[in-house]
């Protein structure tokens, strides 16, 4: 499959907050938290659950999973899902930007990667806690203009958003935007300045991806899958650091052929 080329049109740091969605256990009491974890199973500690650990089962929300979808349905679902997600955030003036493999797909053609099993976005820590306080468990109805189908998405924010380090690794995903029809989702991770005294201006997620403020801001206005979106300022550096420089030059992958990006 040959991907078309898209030329994006281009044209904050945040404060730590608390959320009413956070657990009642005080995060400043590590002894109490660790004791509880020693006695708990992985199932009890993990907030988001999938129907399996291997691909592609690891990319569905268990609550809405009824079977593995076809490639065509996954494509259709992801396109409308990210359009709805970006519309939701834009309507509420909430900042979010595309990340990881989704950012790489944008770099090549302004669209998702056709082999990607899920989509990824990021938010600031302040926005993450705003989601927990004001929008957790929101159901958003979206009627796609191309087919007129009414789709429903769930914004589910983990109660572990106050924990800003990897911890036991069970809760590195902070929130998800879930298609309630088949369980496919967008992973949402928050970036926090976890060590402002010794490493000021370094922002990280709980999966140990790190960025400097200048790499993120000012955000670039662009388009993704036909709707308004944002991308980090130093997007090429971020992609090279995460995927190696060859990710921006290699034109064949997974049976697909990519064309070099044009300006």
C-alpha atoms as a PDB file:
ATOM      1  CA  UNK A   1       0.000   0.000   0.000  1.00  0.00           C
ATOM      2  CA  UNK A   2       1.439   3.371  -0.993  1.00  0.00           C
ATOM      3  CA  UNK A   3       0.805   6.223   1.378  1.00  0.00           C
ATOM      4  CA  UNK A   4       0.102   9.711   0.072  1.00  0.00           C
ATOM      5  CA  UNK A   5       2.314  12.546   1.228  1.00  0.00           C
ATOM      6  CA  UNK A   6       0.979  15.225   3.477  1.00  0.00           C
ATOM      7  CA  UNK A   7       2.632  18.574   4.110  1.00  0.00           C
ATOM      8  CA  UNK A   8       1.591  19.882   7.498  1.00  0.00           C
ATOM      9  CA  UNK A   9       0.972  23.605   7.990  1.00  0.00           C
ATOM     10  CA  UNK A  10       2.801  24.970  11.031  1.00  0.00           C
ATOM     11  CA  UNK A  11       2.348  28.303  12.308  1.00  0.00           C
ATOM     12  CA  UNK A  12       2.982  26.215  28.605  1.00  0.00           C
ATOM     13  CA  UNK A  13       4.864  24.401  30.751  1.00  0.00           C
ATOM     14  CA  UNK A  14       2.359  23.312  33.388  1.00  0.00           C
ATOM     15  CA  UNK A  15       1.648  23.055  37.092  1.00  0.00           C
ATOM     16  CA  UNK A  16       1.158  19.932  39.154  1.00  0.00           C
ATOM     17  CA  UNK A  17      -2.435  19.448  40.273  1.00  0.00           C
ATOM     18  CA  UNK A  18      -4.515  17.115  42.387  1.00  0.00           C
ATOM     19  CA  UNK A  19      -7.531  15.219  41.123  1.00  0.00           C
ATOM     20  CA  UNK A  20     -10.689  14.027  42.792  1.00  0.00           C
ATOM     21  CA  UNK A  21     -10.257  10.907  40.679  1.00  0.00           C
ATOM     22  CA  UNK A  22      -7.127   9.994  42.651  1.00  0.00           C
ATOM     23  CA  UNK A  23      -7.253   7.190  45.249  1.00  0.00           C
ATOM     24  CA  UNK A  24      -7.948   8.087  48.852  1.00  0.00           C
ATOM     25  CA  UNK A  25      -4.576   6.644  49.881  1.00  0.00           C
ATOM     26  CA  UNK A  26      -2.126   9.488  50.506  1.00  0.00           C
ATOM     27  CA  UNK A  27       0.634   9.288  47.854  1.00  0.00           C
ATOM     28  CA  UNK A  28       3.059  10.747  50.418  1.00  0.00           C
ATOM     29  CA  UNK A  29       2.757   7.587  52.540  1.00  0.00           C
ATOM     30  CA  UNK A  30       4.967   5.118  50.610  1.00  0.00           C
ATOM     31  CA  UNK A  31       5.100   2.606  53.437  1.00  0.00           C
ATOM     32  CA  UNK A  32       1.353   2.184  53.499  1.00  0.00           C
ATOM     33  CA  UNK A  33       1.203   1.981  49.705  1.00  0.00           C
ATOM     34  CA  UNK A  34       4.013  -0.575  49.477  1.00  0.00           C
ATOM     35  CA  UNK A  35       2.474  -2.771  52.161  1.00  0.00           C
ATOM     36  CA  UNK A  36      -0.769  -2.818  50.256  1.00  0.00           C
ATOM     37  CA  UNK A  37       1.004  -3.761  47.039  1.00  0.00           C
ATOM     38  CA  UNK A  38       2.827  -6.646  48.661  1.00  0.00           C
ATOM     39  CA  UNK A  39      -0.509  -8.256  49.446  1.00  0.00           C
ATOM     40  CA  UNK A  40      -2.241  -7.435  46.170  1.00  0.00           C
ATOM     41  CA  UNK A  41      -2.310  -9.318  42.897  1.00  0.00           C
ATOM     42  CA  UNK A  42      -1.416  -7.789  39.550  1.00  0.00           C
ATOM     43  CA  UNK A  43      -5.092  -7.966  38.625  1.00  0.00           C
ATOM     44  CA  UNK A  44      -5.996  -5.828  41.622  1.00  0.00           C
ATOM     45  CA  UNK A  45      -3.225  -3.288  41.041  1.00  0.00           C
ATOM     46  CA  UNK A  46      -3.742  -2.729  37.320  1.00  0.00           C
ATOM     47  CA  UNK A  47      -6.465  -0.251  36.385  1.00  0.00           C
ATOM     48  CA  UNK A  48      -6.876  -0.795  32.639  1.00  0.00           C
ATOM     49  CA  UNK A  49      -7.456  -4.379  31.557  1.00  0.00           C
ATOM     50  CA  UNK A  50      -7.175  -5.975  28.138  1.00  0.00           C
ATOM     51  CA  UNK A  51      -8.497  -9.367  26.961  1.00  0.00           C
ATOM     52  CA  UNK A  52      -4.917 -10.629  26.545  1.00  0.00           C
ATOM     53  CA  UNK A  53      -1.264  -9.610  26.818  1.00  0.00           C
ATOM     54  CA  UNK A  54      -0.171 -10.476  23.301  1.00  0.00           C
ATOM     55  CA  UNK A  55      -0.913  -8.561  20.121  1.00  0.00           C
ATOM     56  CA  UNK A  56      -3.502  -7.822  19.011  1.00  0.00           C
ATOM     57  CA  UNK A  57      -5.478  -8.616  22.199  1.00  0.00           C
ATOM     58  CA  UNK A  58      -3.420  -6.174  24.249  1.00  0.00           C
ATOM     59  CA  UNK A  59      -4.876  -3.317  22.218  1.00  0.00           C
ATOM     60  CA  UNK A  60      -8.524  -3.675  23.248  1.00  0.00           C
ATOM     61  CA  UNK A  61     -10.347  -2.630  26.388  1.00  0.00           C
ATOM     62  CA  UNK A  62     -11.679  -5.806  27.959  1.00  0.00           C
ATOM     63  CA  UNK A  63     -15.051  -4.309  28.862  1.00  0.00           C
ATOM     64  CA  UNK A  64     -15.993  -3.651  25.244  1.00  0.00           C
ATOM     65  CA  UNK A  65     -14.157  -6.475  23.494  1.00  0.00           C
ATOM     66  CA  UNK A  66     -16.285  -8.916  21.514  1.00  0.00           C
ATOM     67  CA  UNK A  67     -13.732 -10.146  18.999  1.00  0.00           C
ATOM     68  CA  UNK A  68     -10.709  -9.130  16.951  1.00  0.00           C
ATOM     69  CA  UNK A  69     -11.716  -6.668  14.250  1.00  0.00           C
ATOM     70  CA  UNK A  70     -10.638  -6.789  10.618  1.00  0.00           C
ATOM     71  CA  UNK A  71      -7.951  -4.450   9.319  1.00  0.00           C
ATOM     72  CA  UNK A  72     -10.650  -2.468   7.534  1.00  0.00           C
ATOM     73  CA  UNK A  73     -12.699  -2.043  10.713  1.00  0.00           C
ATOM     74  CA  UNK A  74      -9.623  -1.088  12.727  1.00  0.00           C
ATOM     75  CA  UNK A  75      -8.744   1.567  10.156  1.00  0.00           C
ATOM     76  CA  UNK A  76     -12.278   2.956  10.147  1.00  0.00           C
ATOM     77  CA  UNK A  77     -12.462   2.879  13.945  1.00  0.00           C
ATOM     78  CA  UNK A  78      -9.123   4.604  14.495  1.00  0.00           C
ATOM     79  CA  UNK A  79      -9.779   7.352  11.956  1.00  0.00           C
ATOM     80  CA  UNK A  80     -13.119   8.307  13.511  1.00  0.00           C
ATOM     81  CA  UNK A  81     -11.839   7.747  17.042  1.00  0.00           C
ATOM     82  CA  UNK A  82      -8.974  10.222  16.708  1.00  0.00           C
ATOM     83  CA  UNK A  83     -11.180  12.748  14.924  1.00  0.00           C
ATOM     84  CA  UNK A  84     -13.660  12.572  17.789  1.00  0.00           C
ATOM     85  CA  UNK A  85     -10.863  12.765  20.371  1.00  0.00           C
ATOM     86  CA  UNK A  86      -9.284  15.855  18.838  1.00  0.00           C
ATOM     87  CA  UNK A  87     -12.697  17.481  18.443  1.00  0.00           C
ATOM     88  CA  UNK A  88     -13.529  16.811  22.108  1.00  0.00           C
ATOM     89  CA  UNK A  89     -10.311  18.426  23.302  1.00  0.00           C
ATOM     90  CA  UNK A  90     -10.581  21.362  20.914  1.00  0.00           C
ATOM     91  CA  UNK A  91     -14.190  22.085  21.905  1.00  0.00           C
ATOM     92  CA  UNK A  92     -13.169  22.237  25.573  1.00  0.00           C
ATOM     93  CA  UNK A  93      -9.925  24.129  24.943  1.00  0.00           C
ATOM     94  CA  UNK A  94      -7.878  21.273  26.399  1.00  0.00           C
ATOM     95  CA  UNK A  95      -4.334  20.880  25.121  1.00  0.00           C
ATOM     96  CA  UNK A  96      -3.271  17.525  23.705  1.00  0.00           C
ATOM     97  CA  UNK A  97      -0.836  16.437  21.021  1.00  0.00           C
ATOM     98  CA  UNK A  98      -0.087  13.337  18.981  1.00  0.00           C
ATOM     99  CA  UNK A  99       2.805  11.131  20.113  1.00  0.00           C
ATOM    100  CA  UNK A 100       4.872   7.995  19.450  1.00  0.00           C
ATOM    101  CA  UNK A 101       3.755   5.939  16.437  1.00  0.00           C
ATOM    102  CA  UNK A 102       0.870   8.309  15.811  1.00  0.00           C
ATOM    103  CA  UNK A 103       3.350  11.190  15.510  1.00  0.00           C
ATOM    104  CA  UNK A 104       5.446   9.090  13.133  1.00  0.00           C
ATOM    105  CA  UNK A 105       2.403   8.434  10.946  1.00  0.00           C
ATOM    106  CA  UNK A 106       1.686  12.165  10.919  1.00  0.00           C
ATOM    107  CA  UNK A 107       5.275  12.886   9.883  1.00  0.00           C
ATOM    108  CA  UNK A 108       4.982  10.640   6.851  1.00  0.00           C
ATOM    109  CA  UNK A 109       1.541  11.518   5.561  1.00  0.00           C
ATOM    110  CA  UNK A 110      -0.653  13.275   8.124  1.00  0.00           C
ATOM    111  CA  UNK A 111      -2.447  10.016   8.893  1.00  0.00           C
ATOM    112  CA  UNK A 112      -2.207   6.995  11.171  1.00  0.00           C
ATOM    113  CA  UNK A 113       0.231   4.225  10.319  1.00  0.00           C
ATOM    114  CA  UNK A 114      -1.848   1.507   8.618  1.00  0.00           C
ATOM    115  CA  UNK A 115      -0.299  -1.264  10.741  1.00  0.00           C
ATOM    116  CA  UNK A 116      -0.618   0.546  14.084  1.00  0.00           C
ATOM    117  CA  UNK A 117      -2.787  -1.372  16.557  1.00  0.00           C
ATOM    118  CA  UNK A 118      -3.499   1.634  18.765  1.00  0.00           C
ATOM    119  CA  UNK A 119      -3.030   5.399  18.789  1.00  0.00           C
ATOM    120  CA  UNK A 120      -1.076   7.567  21.221  1.00  0.00           C
ATOM    121  CA  UNK A 121      -1.487  11.089  22.517  1.00  0.00           C
ATOM    122  CA  UNK A 122       0.034  13.096  25.339  1.00  0.00           C
ATOM    123  CA  UNK A 123      -1.157  15.843  27.665  1.00  0.00           C
ATOM    124  CA  UNK A 124       0.489  18.019  30.278  1.00  0.00           C
ATOM    125  CA  UNK A 125       0.205  16.999  33.904  1.00  0.00           C
ATOM    126  CA  UNK A 126      -2.123  19.937  34.564  1.00  0.00           C
ATOM    127  CA  UNK A 127      -4.441  18.862  31.742  1.00  0.00           C
ATOM    128  CA  UNK A 128      -4.333  15.275  32.964  1.00  0.00           C
ATOM    129  CA  UNK A 129      -5.602  16.288  36.382  1.00  0.00           C
ATOM    130  CA  UNK A 130      -8.218  18.515  34.799  1.00  0.00           C
ATOM    131  CA  UNK A 131      -9.444  15.470  32.893  1.00  0.00           C
ATOM    132  CA  UNK A 132      -9.622  13.544  36.155  1.00  0.00           C
ATOM    133  CA  UNK A 133     -11.504  16.293  37.955  1.00  0.00           C
ATOM    134  CA  UNK A 134     -13.939  17.443  35.296  1.00  0.00           C
ATOM    135  CA  UNK A 135     -14.237  14.853  32.539  1.00  0.00           C
ATOM    136  CA  UNK A 136     -13.552  11.388  33.932  1.00  0.00           C
ATOM    137  CA  UNK A 137     -16.091   8.814  32.679  1.00  0.00           C
ATOM    138  CA  UNK A 138     -17.427  11.234  30.078  1.00  0.00           C
ATOM    139  CA  UNK A 139     -19.244   9.587  27.180  1.00  0.00           C
ATOM    140  CA  UNK A 140     -18.899  11.546  23.971  1.00  0.00           C
ATOM    141  CA  UNK A 141     -21.211  10.998  21.018  1.00  0.00           C
ATOM    142  CA  UNK A 142     -19.807  11.734  17.601  1.00  0.00           C
ATOM    143  CA  UNK A 143     -21.569  11.514  14.255  1.00  0.00           C
ATOM    144  CA  UNK A 144     -19.064  11.128  11.465  1.00  0.00           C
ATOM    145  CA  UNK A 145     -19.817  13.398   8.491  1.00  0.00           C
ATOM    146  CA  UNK A 146     -18.781  10.815   5.904  1.00  0.00           C
ATOM    147  CA  UNK A 147     -21.095   7.949   6.883  1.00  0.00           C
ATOM    148  CA  UNK A 148     -23.479   9.550   9.399  1.00  0.00           C
ATOM    149  CA  UNK A 149     -22.910   6.793  11.962  1.00  0.00           C
ATOM    150  CA  UNK A 150     -23.333   7.831  15.600  1.00  0.00           C
ATOM    151  CA  UNK A 151     -20.376   6.599  17.644  1.00  0.00           C
ATOM    152  CA  UNK A 152     -19.847   6.716  21.406  1.00  0.00           C
ATOM    153  CA  UNK A 153     -16.498   7.070  23.162  1.00  0.00           C
ATOM    154  CA  UNK A 154     -15.591   6.792  26.826  1.00  0.00           C
ATOM    155  CA  UNK A 155     -12.925   8.974  28.424  1.00  0.00           C
ATOM    156  CA  UNK A 156     -11.601   6.843  31.282  1.00  0.00           C
ATOM    157  CA  UNK A 157      -8.991   8.375  33.600  1.00  0.00           C
ATOM    158  CA  UNK A 158      -6.970   6.078  35.853  1.00  0.00           C
ATOM    159  CA  UNK A 159      -7.135   6.717  39.616  1.00  0.00           C
ATOM    160  CA  UNK A 160      -3.337   6.314  39.628  1.00  0.00           C
ATOM    161  CA  UNK A 161      -2.671   9.617  37.866  1.00  0.00           C
ATOM    162  CA  UNK A 162      -1.112  11.063  41.042  1.00  0.00           C
ATOM    163  CA  UNK A 163       1.704   8.501  40.763  1.00  0.00           C
ATOM    164  CA  UNK A 164       4.134  10.080  38.282  1.00  0.00           C
ATOM    165  CA  UNK A 165       6.834   7.395  38.165  1.00  0.00           C
ATOM    166  CA  UNK A 166       6.854   3.938  36.617  1.00  0.00           C
ATOM    167  CA  UNK A 167       6.292   2.231  39.966  1.00  0.00           C
ATOM    168  CA  UNK A 168       5.346  -1.406  39.482  1.00  0.00           C
ATOM    169  CA  UNK A 169       4.700  -0.793  35.774  1.00  0.00           C
ATOM    170  CA  UNK A 170       1.043  -1.801  35.910  1.00  0.00           C
ATOM    171  CA  UNK A 171      -0.333   1.711  35.456  1.00  0.00           C
ATOM    172  CA  UNK A 172       1.891   3.571  33.013  1.00  0.00           C
ATOM    173  CA  UNK A 173      -1.165   4.587  30.969  1.00  0.00           C
ATOM    174  CA  UNK A 174      -2.942   7.535  32.559  1.00  0.00           C
ATOM    175  CA  UNK A 175      -6.167   7.586  30.566  1.00  0.00           C
ATOM    176  CA  UNK A 176      -7.848   6.082  27.545  1.00  0.00           C
ATOM    177  CA  UNK A 177     -10.296   7.209  24.894  1.00  0.00           C
ATOM    178  CA  UNK A 178     -12.254   4.040  24.197  1.00  0.00           C
ATOM    179  CA  UNK A 179     -14.564   3.094  21.349  1.00  0.00           C
ATOM    180  CA  UNK A 180     -17.493   1.483  23.149  1.00  0.00           C
ATOM    181  CA  UNK A 181     -18.447  -0.551  20.080  1.00  0.00           C
ATOM    182  CA  UNK A 182     -15.345  -2.747  19.812  1.00  0.00           C
ATOM    183  CA  UNK A 183     -12.941  -1.720  22.596  1.00  0.00           C
ATOM    184  CA  UNK A 184     -10.174  -0.159  20.493  1.00  0.00           C
ATOM    185  CA  UNK A 185      -8.628   2.835  22.220  1.00  0.00           C
ATOM    186  CA  UNK A 186      -6.259   5.782  22.248  1.00  0.00           C
ATOM    187  CA  UNK A 187      -3.629   5.715  24.991  1.00  0.00           C
ATOM    188  CA  UNK A 188      -3.295   9.054  26.797  1.00  0.00           C
ATOM    189  CA  UNK A 189      -0.186   9.701  28.885  1.00  0.00           C
ATOM    190  CA  UNK A 190       0.643  12.758  30.963  1.00  0.00           C
ATOM    191  CA  UNK A 191       4.021  14.470  31.091  1.00  0.00           C
ATOM    192  CA  UNK A 192       5.306  15.696  34.451  1.00  0.00           C
ATOM    193  CA  UNK A 193       8.370  17.533  35.681  1.00  0.00           C
ATOM    194  CA  UNK A 194       9.176  14.865  38.263  1.00  0.00           C
ATOM    195  CA  UNK A 195      12.492  16.289  39.503  1.00  0.00           C
ATOM    196  CA  UNK A 196      12.321  20.080  39.088  1.00  0.00           C
ATOM    197  CA  UNK A 197      15.166  20.767  41.537  1.00  0.00           C
ATOM    198  CA  UNK A 198      17.918  18.719  39.904  1.00  0.00           C
ATOM    199  CA  UNK A 199      16.432  18.375  36.396  1.00  0.00           C
ATOM    200  CA  UNK A 200      14.333  21.458  35.720  1.00  0.00           C
ATOM    201  CA  UNK A 201      12.551  21.556  32.388  1.00  0.00           C
ATOM    202  CA  UNK A 202      12.665  17.776  31.869  1.00  0.00           C
ATOM    203  CA  UNK A 203       9.234  16.238  31.372  1.00  0.00           C
ATOM    204  CA  UNK A 204       8.542  12.521  31.489  1.00  0.00           C
ATOM    205  CA  UNK A 205       5.715  10.028  31.305  1.00  0.00           C
ATOM    206  CA  UNK A 206       5.456   6.932  33.490  1.00  0.00           C
ATOM    207  CA  UNK A 207       6.877   4.819  30.671  1.00  0.00           C
ATOM    208  CA  UNK A 208      10.182   6.711  30.974  1.00  0.00           C
ATOM    209  CA  UNK A 209       9.976   8.806  27.802  1.00  0.00           C
ATOM    210  CA  UNK A 210      11.653  12.153  28.512  1.00  0.00           C
ATOM    211  CA  UNK A 211      11.461  15.518  26.771  1.00  0.00           C
ATOM    212  CA  UNK A 212      12.906  18.966  27.374  1.00  0.00           C
ATOM    213  CA  UNK A 213      10.566  21.939  27.431  1.00  0.00           C
ATOM    214  CA  UNK A 214      12.092  23.321  24.211  1.00  0.00           C
ATOM    215  CA  UNK A 215      11.350  20.039  22.429  1.00  0.00           C
ATOM    216  CA  UNK A 216       7.667  20.326  23.252  1.00  0.00           C
ATOM    217  CA  UNK A 217       6.864  24.040  23.188  1.00  0.00           C
ATOM    218  CA  UNK A 218       5.625  26.041  21.468  1.00  0.00           C
ATOM    219  CA  UNK A 219       3.307  23.420  20.024  1.00  0.00           C
ATOM    220  CA  UNK A 220       2.828  23.381  16.259  1.00  0.00           C
ATOM    221  CA  UNK A 221      -0.654  23.655  14.793  1.00  0.00           C
ATOM    222  CA  UNK A 222      -1.230  21.060  12.103  1.00  0.00           C
ATOM    223  CA  UNK A 223      -3.764  18.605  10.697  1.00  0.00           C
ATOM    224  CA  UNK A 224      -4.093  14.895  11.418  1.00  0.00           C
ATOM    225  CA  UNK A 225      -6.617  12.626   9.694  1.00  0.00           C
ATOM    226  CA  UNK A 226      -8.350  15.704   8.340  1.00  0.00           C
ATOM    227  CA  UNK A 227      -8.891  17.575  11.622  1.00  0.00           C
ATOM    228  CA  UNK A 228      -6.962  20.189  13.594  1.00  0.00           C
ATOM    229  CA  UNK A 229      -4.231  18.785  15.815  1.00  0.00           C
ATOM    230  CA  UNK A 230      -1.023  19.738  17.591  1.00  0.00           C
ATOM    231  CA  UNK A 231       2.483  18.329  17.292  1.00  0.00           C
ATOM    232  CA  UNK A 232       5.515  18.991  19.525  1.00  0.00           C
ATOM    233  CA  UNK A 233       7.897  21.700  18.342  1.00  0.00           C
ATOM    234  CA  UNK A 234      10.991  19.504  17.841  1.00  0.00           C
ATOM    235  CA  UNK A 235       9.050  16.614  16.331  1.00  0.00           C
ATOM    236  CA  UNK A 236      11.907  15.296  14.182  1.00  0.00           C
ATOM    237  CA  UNK A 237      14.334  15.141  17.103  1.00  0.00           C
ATOM    238  CA  UNK A 238      11.706  13.404  19.227  1.00  0.00           C
ATOM    239  CA  UNK A 239      11.051  10.822  16.516  1.00  0.00           C
ATOM    240  CA  UNK A 240      14.750  10.176  15.901  1.00  0.00           C
ATOM    241  CA  UNK A 241      15.393   9.741  19.619  1.00  0.00           C
ATOM    242  CA  UNK A 242      12.526   7.280  19.980  1.00  0.00           C
ATOM    243  CA  UNK A 243      12.736   5.325  16.720  1.00  0.00           C
ATOM    244  CA  UNK A 244      16.243   6.027  15.345  1.00  0.00           C
ATOM    245  CA  UNK A 245      16.886   8.295  12.324  1.00  0.00           C
ATOM    246  CA  UNK A 246      16.091   5.454   9.921  1.00  0.00           C
ATOM    247  CA  UNK A 247      12.411   5.764  10.851  1.00  0.00           C
ATOM    248  CA  UNK A 248      12.349   8.995   8.844  1.00  0.00           C
ATOM    249  CA  UNK A 249      14.125   7.559   5.806  1.00  0.00           C
ATOM    250  CA  UNK A 250      13.155   3.904   5.574  1.00  0.00           C
ATOM    251  CA  UNK A 251      10.492   3.589   2.891  1.00  0.00           C
ATOM    252  CA  UNK A 252       9.464  -0.052   3.309  1.00  0.00           C
ATOM    253  CA  UNK A 253       8.060  -1.546   6.479  1.00  0.00           C
ATOM    254  CA  UNK A 254       5.700  -4.380   7.346  1.00  0.00           C
ATOM    255  CA  UNK A 255       4.770  -4.904   3.709  1.00  0.00           C
ATOM    256  CA  UNK A 256       3.964  -1.223   3.138  1.00  0.00           C
ATOM    257  CA  UNK A 257       5.782   1.296   0.959  1.00  0.00           C
ATOM    258  CA  UNK A 258       6.179   4.882   2.118  1.00  0.00           C
ATOM    259  CA  UNK A 259       7.121   7.879   0.022  1.00  0.00           C
ATOM    260  CA  UNK A 260       9.574  10.440   1.306  1.00  0.00           C
ATOM    261  CA  UNK A 261       7.891  13.429   2.915  1.00  0.00           C
ATOM    262  CA  UNK A 262       7.763  16.507   0.714  1.00  0.00           C
ATOM    263  CA  UNK A 263       7.496  20.143   1.728  1.00  0.00           C
END
